[in-house]
Amino acid sequence: QVHLVESGGGLVQAGGSLRLSCAASGRTFARNPMAWFRQGPGKEREFVSAINWNGGSTPYADSVKGRFTISRDNAKNTVYLQMNSLKPEDTAVYYCAADARQSFIVPPRVRNEYTYWGQGTQVTVSS
């Protein structure tokens, strides 16, 4: 059975940094796109960033571009999200997702393209 487990969330002041991790188990995702989404209070779940199998394509939402960096370690079956210069509007539950299909050149930004999801980790940014 596949599990995605996020960690690294917490409470941070505006301008601070956090690093989220998502460890996958049950199968390897070394050839699969992975992504981060988030859902703020009273909002729809939205795309944050994604990464293709070798890190060669890493699209970002405009709201996080230049502040967040996605990366992956295929040997550890883990994807990361480094979040710098955090703002109160970044407050949300952050979800890791993995595509069941292999080897997309450009990883999907659409929520429905991802098959596997983690349980989420809360990020709260105080002003």
Foldseek 3Di string as FASTA:
>chain_A
DKAWAKDWADEEAAQAKIKMKIFIDDDAQLFWKKFKWWDDVPGDIFGAWIAGNQRPAIDGDPVQPPFKDKDDDRVRSMIMIIGGRDDQVVWTWMKMFIAPDGHDPHHDRDPVRTDDIHPTDTHGYHD
